[in-house]
Amino acid sequence: FPYTTLFRSDAARIIGLQYLDNLDESLVTEIKKILKELLFDSLINKKDISKLSLFARTAAELGEIEILIEIVGTEMFHEMGVINDILPVIRLAISTTGKLTIKQKFWALDALVFTDIRQGKNDYLLNSLSEMESLVKTNDLGDEEKNSLYMKQLIFNADIGNTRLVKKFIHKLSTTIKNDIRHDLIYRYTVSVS
């Protein structure tokens, strides 16, 4: 083992976890909610990102995946270089059956696709796009989800130079985007770049 030093924080973590194991589950949940709020305050007000990984794990344990999805979809956090602390938590939530609602799963996949496109990685991209498409087809998801899916498919296909599919997704978006002000500007920009 390269590390031969035991830090007090390591010992405190072990003792703290043993203490939590002996408490009532509802009390542990309340403690985690308070911890999450303290960590969130530290992230937002003090701009201290050193505990982002702990915040991500705590939010996931509380089933509050939406905040993590929002973080992954925010450009600022990508620029700060902290997304890699959150991605494993989102991937785990996606793979855990029953952990997410259909919409949560869709938006979690959307966040992963956004990250993969932004980082130029195709490791999970095609599988995530396929799973998003399946969720849209088999569930009653609205125009916002469809627009987000079509936009990601448009961007991906423009990146790989597939003109036929770019035209297909421009056409699909032209029928659904008019009801989605949030995506309209992004749509116009993406179409002009594509």
C-alpha atoms as a PDB file:
ATOM      1  CA  PHE A   1       0.000   0.000   0.000  1.00  0.00           C
ATOM      2  CA  PRO A   2       1.497   3.360  -0.960  1.00  0.00           C
ATOM      3  CA  TYR A   3      -0.288   5.217   1.836  1.00  0.00           C
ATOM      4  CA  THR A   4       0.847   4.407   5.353  1.00  0.00           C
ATOM      5  CA  THR A   5      -0.685   7.385   7.134  1.00  0.00           C
ATOM      6  CA  LEU A   6      -4.058   7.334   8.835  1.00  0.00           C
ATOM      7  CA  PHE A   7      -5.695  10.735   9.063  1.00  0.00           C
ATOM      8  CA  ARG A   8      -8.040  11.789  11.845  1.00  0.00           C
ATOM      9  CA  SER A   9     -10.740  12.431   9.243  1.00  0.00           C
ATOM     10  CA  ASP A  10     -10.497   8.766   8.148  1.00  0.00           C
ATOM     11  CA  ALA A  11     -10.977   7.584  11.728  1.00  0.00           C
ATOM     12  CA  ALA A  12     -13.811  10.078  12.296  1.00  0.00           C
ATOM     13  CA  ARG A  13     -15.553   8.838   9.142  1.00  0.00           C
ATOM     14  CA  ILE A  14     -15.456   5.223  10.376  1.00  0.00           C
ATOM     15  CA  ILE A  15     -16.742   6.166  13.826  1.00  0.00           C
ATOM     16  CA  GLY A  16     -19.403   8.447  12.322  1.00  0.00           C
ATOM     17  CA  LEU A  17     -20.686   5.716  10.012  1.00  0.00           C
ATOM     18  CA  GLN A  18     -20.890   3.265  12.924  1.00  0.00           C
ATOM     19  CA  TYR A  19     -22.797   5.864  14.921  1.00  0.00           C
ATOM     20  CA  LEU A  20     -25.255   6.428  12.049  1.00  0.00           C
ATOM     21  CA  ASP A  21     -25.816   2.678  11.725  1.00  0.00           C
ATOM     22  CA  ASN A  22     -27.213   2.641  15.262  1.00  0.00           C
ATOM     23  CA  LEU A  23     -29.706   5.483  14.710  1.00  0.00           C
ATOM     24  CA  ASP A  24     -33.297   5.357  13.515  1.00  0.00           C
ATOM     25  CA  GLU A  25     -33.503   5.595   9.713  1.00  0.00           C
ATOM     26  CA  SER A  26     -35.711   8.706   9.767  1.00  0.00           C
ATOM     27  CA  LEU A  27     -33.171  10.510  11.962  1.00  0.00           C
ATOM     28  CA  VAL A  28     -30.327   9.491   9.626  1.00  0.00           C
ATOM     29  CA  THR A  29     -32.328  10.908   6.708  1.00  0.00           C
ATOM     30  CA  GLU A  30     -32.801  14.211   8.560  1.00  0.00           C
ATOM     31  CA  ILE A  31     -29.074  14.347   9.349  1.00  0.00           C
ATOM     32  CA  LYS A  32     -28.244  13.741   5.685  1.00  0.00           C
ATOM     33  CA  LYS A  33     -30.662  16.503   4.627  1.00  0.00           C
ATOM     34  CA  ILE A  34     -28.940  18.949   6.964  1.00  0.00           C
ATOM     35  CA  LEU A  35     -25.522  17.844   5.728  1.00  0.00           C
ATOM     36  CA  LYS A  36     -26.652  18.278   2.114  1.00  0.00           C
ATOM     37  CA  GLU A  37     -27.898  21.815   2.850  1.00  0.00           C
ATOM     38  CA  LEU A  38     -24.614  22.734   4.561  1.00  0.00           C
ATOM     39  CA  LEU A  39     -22.637  21.358   1.628  1.00  0.00           C
ATOM     40  CA  PHE A  40     -24.885  23.157  -0.868  1.00  0.00           C
ATOM     41  CA  ASP A  41     -24.422  26.421   1.016  1.00  0.00           C
ATOM     42  CA  SER A  42     -20.671  25.897   0.925  1.00  0.00           C
ATOM     43  CA  LEU A  43     -20.779  25.221  -2.823  1.00  0.00           C
ATOM     44  CA  ILE A  44     -22.964  28.185  -3.740  1.00  0.00           C
ATOM     45  CA  ASN A  45     -22.114  30.888  -1.222  1.00  0.00           C
ATOM     46  CA  LYS A  46     -18.482  30.111  -0.490  1.00  0.00           C
ATOM     47  CA  LYS A  47     -17.640  28.663  -3.934  1.00  0.00           C
ATOM     48  CA  ASP A  48     -15.916  25.779  -2.134  1.00  0.00           C
ATOM     49  CA  ILE A  49     -15.963  22.792  -4.483  1.00  0.00           C
ATOM     50  CA  SER A  50     -13.797  20.561  -2.303  1.00  0.00           C
ATOM     51  CA  LYS A  51     -16.868  18.736  -0.971  1.00  0.00           C
ATOM     52  CA  LEU A  52     -18.747  18.398  -4.266  1.00  0.00           C
ATOM     53  CA  SER A  53     -18.241  14.646  -4.345  1.00  0.00           C
ATOM     54  CA  LEU A  54     -19.715  14.307  -0.832  1.00  0.00           C
ATOM     55  CA  PHE A  55     -22.598  16.585  -1.828  1.00  0.00           C
ATOM     56  CA  ALA A  56     -23.276  14.403  -4.897  1.00  0.00           C
ATOM     57  CA  ARG A  57     -23.268  11.173  -2.889  1.00  0.00           C
ATOM     58  CA  THR A  58     -25.466  12.657  -0.151  1.00  0.00           C
ATOM     59  CA  ALA A  59     -28.005  14.054  -2.629  1.00  0.00           C
ATOM     60  CA  ALA A  60     -28.132  10.682  -4.402  1.00  0.00           C
ATOM     61  CA  GLU A  61     -28.659   8.821  -1.123  1.00  0.00           C
ATOM     62  CA  LEU A  62     -31.596  11.145  -0.442  1.00  0.00           C
ATOM     63  CA  GLY A  63     -32.989  10.453  -3.900  1.00  0.00           C
ATOM     64  CA  GLU A  64     -32.467  14.070  -4.934  1.00  0.00           C
ATOM     65  CA  ILE A  65     -30.943  13.307  -8.300  1.00  0.00           C
ATOM     66  CA  GLU A  66     -32.495  16.363 -10.008  1.00  0.00           C
ATOM     67  CA  ILE A  67     -29.963  18.748  -8.465  1.00  0.00           C
ATOM     68  CA  LEU A  68     -27.112  16.581  -9.764  1.00  0.00           C
ATOM     69  CA  ILE A  69     -28.654  16.470 -13.225  1.00  0.00           C
ATOM     70  CA  GLU A  70     -28.967  20.259 -13.126  1.00  0.00           C
ATOM     71  CA  ILE A  71     -25.307  20.608 -12.126  1.00  0.00           C
ATOM     72  CA  VAL A  72     -24.141  18.325 -14.947  1.00  0.00           C
ATOM     73  CA  GLY A  73     -26.220  20.325 -17.417  1.00  0.00           C
ATOM     74  CA  THR A  74     -24.681  23.621 -16.291  1.00  0.00           C
ATOM     75  CA  GLU A  75     -21.746  24.917 -18.293  1.00  0.00           C
ATOM     76  CA  MET A  76     -20.092  26.567 -15.279  1.00  0.00           C
ATOM     77  CA  PHE A  77     -19.544  23.270 -13.468  1.00  0.00           C
ATOM     78  CA  HIS A  78     -17.962  21.784 -16.593  1.00  0.00           C
ATOM     79  CA  GLU A  79     -15.580  24.730 -16.764  1.00  0.00           C
ATOM     80  CA  MET A  80     -14.737  24.250 -13.094  1.00  0.00           C
ATOM     81  CA  GLY A  81     -13.753  20.658 -13.869  1.00  0.00           C
ATOM     82  CA  VAL A  82     -15.884  19.052 -11.165  1.00  0.00           C
ATOM     83  CA  ILE A  83     -18.306  17.058 -13.312  1.00  0.00           C
ATOM     84  CA  ASN A  84     -16.307  13.846 -12.978  1.00  0.00           C
ATOM     85  CA  ASP A  85     -17.228  13.737  -9.270  1.00  0.00           C
ATOM     86  CA  ILE A  86     -20.930  13.628 -10.150  1.00  0.00           C
ATOM     87  CA  LEU A  87     -21.051  11.415 -13.254  1.00  0.00           C
ATOM     88  CA  PRO A  88     -20.495   8.109 -11.404  1.00  0.00           C
ATOM     89  CA  VAL A  89     -23.366   8.937  -9.029  1.00  0.00           C
ATOM     90  CA  ILE A  90     -25.692   9.661 -11.967  1.00  0.00           C
ATOM     91  CA  ARG A  91     -24.590   6.511 -13.822  1.00  0.00           C
ATOM     92  CA  LEU A  92     -25.235   4.432 -10.694  1.00  0.00           C
ATOM     93  CA  ALA A  93     -28.685   5.979 -10.246  1.00  0.00           C
ATOM     94  CA  ILE A  94     -29.532   5.204 -13.887  1.00  0.00           C
ATOM     95  CA  SER A  95     -28.407   1.594 -13.586  1.00  0.00           C
ATOM     96  CA  THR A  96     -30.234   0.969 -10.296  1.00  0.00           C
ATOM     97  CA  THR A  97     -33.680  -0.359 -11.158  1.00  0.00           C
ATOM     98  CA  GLY A  98     -36.492   1.638  -9.572  1.00  0.00           C
ATOM     99  CA  LYS A  99     -34.196   4.403  -8.294  1.00  0.00           C
ATOM    100  CA  LEU A 100     -35.452   7.019 -10.777  1.00  0.00           C
ATOM    101  CA  THR A 101     -38.776   7.912 -12.315  1.00  0.00           C
ATOM    102  CA  ILE A 102     -39.009   7.743 -16.117  1.00  0.00           C
ATOM    103  CA  LYS A 103     -38.539  11.522 -16.403  1.00  0.00           C
ATOM    104  CA  GLN A 104     -35.625  11.524 -13.965  1.00  0.00           C
ATOM    105  CA  LYS A 105     -33.971   8.731 -15.920  1.00  0.00           C
ATOM    106  CA  PHE A 106     -34.490  10.617 -19.176  1.00  0.00           C
ATOM    107  CA  TRP A 107     -32.942  13.819 -17.795  1.00  0.00           C
ATOM    108  CA  ALA A 108     -30.094  11.888 -16.169  1.00  0.00           C
ATOM    109  CA  LEU A 109     -29.307  10.319 -19.548  1.00  0.00           C
ATOM    110  CA  ASP A 110     -29.646  13.744 -21.152  1.00  0.00           C
ATOM    111  CA  ALA A 111     -27.039  15.112 -18.728  1.00  0.00           C
ATOM    112  CA  LEU A 112     -24.674  12.261 -19.595  1.00  0.00           C
ATOM    113  CA  VAL A 113     -25.158  12.871 -23.327  1.00  0.00           C
ATOM    114  CA  PHE A 114     -24.556  16.604 -22.849  1.00  0.00           C
ATOM    115  CA  THR A 115     -21.321  15.813 -21.033  1.00  0.00           C
ATOM    116  CA  ASP A 116     -20.175  13.237 -23.571  1.00  0.00           C
ATOM    117  CA  ILE A 117     -20.857  15.590 -26.500  1.00  0.00           C
ATOM    118  CA  ARG A 118     -19.093  18.423 -24.711  1.00  0.00           C
ATOM    119  CA  GLN A 119     -16.063  16.269 -23.908  1.00  0.00           C
ATOM    120  CA  GLY A 120     -16.029  14.593 -27.325  1.00  0.00           C
ATOM    121  CA  LYS A 121     -16.450  11.144 -25.798  1.00  0.00           C
ATOM    122  CA  ASN A 122     -18.506   8.433 -27.452  1.00  0.00           C
ATOM    123  CA  ASP A 123     -18.091   5.758 -24.742  1.00  0.00           C
ATOM    124  CA  TYR A 124     -21.668   5.915 -23.501  1.00  0.00           C
ATOM    125  CA  LEU A 125     -23.120   8.386 -25.998  1.00  0.00           C
ATOM    126  CA  LEU A 126     -24.804   6.048 -28.470  1.00  0.00           C
ATOM    127  CA  ASN A 127     -26.237   3.824 -25.731  1.00  0.00           C
ATOM    128  CA  SER A 128     -27.537   6.845 -23.827  1.00  0.00           C
ATOM    129  CA  LEU A 129     -29.124   8.361 -26.952  1.00  0.00           C
ATOM    130  CA  SER A 130     -30.723   5.022 -27.769  1.00  0.00           C
ATOM    131  CA  GLU A 131     -32.089   4.664 -24.246  1.00  0.00           C
ATOM    132  CA  MET A 132     -33.433   8.239 -24.313  1.00  0.00           C
ATOM    133  CA  GLU A 133     -35.144   7.523 -27.625  1.00  0.00           C
ATOM    134  CA  SER A 134     -36.684   4.363 -26.187  1.00  0.00           C
ATOM    135  CA  LEU A 135     -37.990   6.283 -23.151  1.00  0.00           C
ATOM    136  CA  VAL A 136     -39.597   8.896 -25.421  1.00  0.00           C
ATOM    137  CA  LYS A 137     -41.217   6.250 -27.629  1.00  0.00           C
ATOM    138  CA  THR A 138     -42.538   3.994 -24.859  1.00  0.00           C
ATOM    139  CA  ASN A 139     -43.667   6.645 -22.359  1.00  0.00           C
ATOM    140  CA  ASP A 140     -45.813   9.725 -22.438  1.00  0.00           C
ATOM    141  CA  LEU A 141     -42.977  12.231 -22.423  1.00  0.00           C
ATOM    142  CA  GLY A 142     -43.662  15.752 -23.659  1.00  0.00           C
ATOM    143  CA  ASP A 143     -42.212  18.131 -26.217  1.00  0.00           C
ATOM    144  CA  GLU A 144     -39.492  19.326 -23.841  1.00  0.00           C
ATOM    145  CA  GLU A 145     -38.022  15.818 -23.630  1.00  0.00           C
ATOM    146  CA  LYS A 146     -38.470  15.244 -27.378  1.00  0.00           C
ATOM    147  CA  ASN A 147     -36.786  18.558 -28.162  1.00  0.00           C
ATOM    148  CA  SER A 148     -33.870  17.781 -25.916  1.00  0.00           C
ATOM    149  CA  LEU A 149     -33.453  14.327 -27.484  1.00  0.00           C
ATOM    150  CA  TYR A 150     -33.700  15.634 -31.055  1.00  0.00           C
ATOM    151  CA  MET A 151     -31.276  18.443 -30.238  1.00  0.00           C
ATOM    152  CA  LYS A 152     -28.696  15.996 -28.892  1.00  0.00           C
ATOM    153  CA  GLN A 153     -29.182  13.738 -31.909  1.00  0.00           C
ATOM    154  CA  LEU A 154     -28.810  16.755 -34.212  1.00  0.00           C
ATOM    155  CA  ILE A 155     -25.583  17.867 -32.527  1.00  0.00           C
ATOM    156  CA  PHE A 156     -24.124  14.354 -32.475  1.00  0.00           C
ATOM    157  CA  ASN A 157     -24.912  13.715 -36.144  1.00  0.00           C
ATOM    158  CA  ALA A 158     -23.562  17.143 -37.153  1.00  0.00           C
ATOM    159  CA  ASP A 159     -20.332  16.316 -35.291  1.00  0.00           C
ATOM    160  CA  ILE A 160     -19.888  13.054 -37.200  1.00  0.00           C
ATOM    161  CA  GLY A 161     -20.955  14.590 -40.518  1.00  0.00           C
ATOM    162  CA  ASN A 162     -24.168  12.620 -41.075  1.00  0.00           C
ATOM    163  CA  THR A 163     -26.062  15.149 -43.222  1.00  0.00           C
ATOM    164  CA  ARG A 164     -29.079  12.901 -43.800  1.00  0.00           C
ATOM    165  CA  LEU A 165     -29.759  12.528 -40.065  1.00  0.00           C
ATOM    166  CA  VAL A 166     -29.016  16.209 -39.412  1.00  0.00           C
ATOM    167  CA  LYS A 167     -31.795  17.114 -41.877  1.00  0.00           C
ATOM    168  CA  LYS A 168     -34.098  14.534 -40.269  1.00  0.00           C
ATOM    169  CA  PHE A 169     -33.654  16.024 -36.790  1.00  0.00           C
ATOM    170  CA  ILE A 170     -33.942  19.605 -38.053  1.00  0.00           C
ATOM    171  CA  HIS A 171     -37.311  18.607 -39.529  1.00  0.00           C
ATOM    172  CA  LYS A 172     -38.418  16.832 -36.323  1.00  0.00           C
ATOM    173  CA  LEU A 173     -37.414  19.837 -34.230  1.00  0.00           C
ATOM    174  CA  SER A 174     -39.212  22.276 -36.503  1.00  0.00           C
ATOM    175  CA  THR A 175     -42.503  20.566 -35.585  1.00  0.00           C
ATOM    176  CA  THR A 176     -41.971  20.441 -31.812  1.00  0.00           C
ATOM    177  CA  ILE A 177     -39.700  23.386 -30.951  1.00  0.00           C
ATOM    178  CA  LYS A 178     -42.330  26.102 -31.364  1.00  0.00           C
ATOM    179  CA  ASN A 179     -43.840  25.144 -27.998  1.00  0.00           C
ATOM    180  CA  ASP A 180     -40.507  25.219 -26.175  1.00  0.00           C
ATOM    181  CA  ILE A 181     -39.080  28.709 -25.707  1.00  0.00           C
ATOM    182  CA  ARG A 182     -36.146  27.340 -23.684  1.00  0.00           C
ATOM    183  CA  HIS A 183     -34.828  25.283 -26.582  1.00  0.00           C
ATOM    184  CA  ASP A 184     -35.788  27.659 -29.429  1.00  0.00           C
ATOM    185  CA  LEU A 185     -32.647  29.827 -29.266  1.00  0.00           C
ATOM    186  CA  ILE A 186     -30.421  26.766 -28.870  1.00  0.00           C
ATOM    187  CA  TYR A 187     -32.239  25.191 -31.820  1.00  0.00           C
ATOM    188  CA  ARG A 188     -31.620  28.207 -34.057  1.00  0.00           C
ATOM    189  CA  TYR A 189     -27.960  28.314 -33.107  1.00  0.00           C
ATOM    190  CA  THR A 190     -27.493  24.564 -33.539  1.00  0.00           C
ATOM    191  CA  VAL A 191     -29.186  24.520 -36.944  1.00  0.00           C
ATOM    192  CA  SER A 192     -27.038  27.401 -38.173  1.00  0.00           C
ATOM    193  CA  VAL A 193     -23.843  25.682 -36.974  1.00  0.00           C
ATOM    194  CA  SER A 194     -24.911  22.279 -38.334  1.00  0.00           C
END
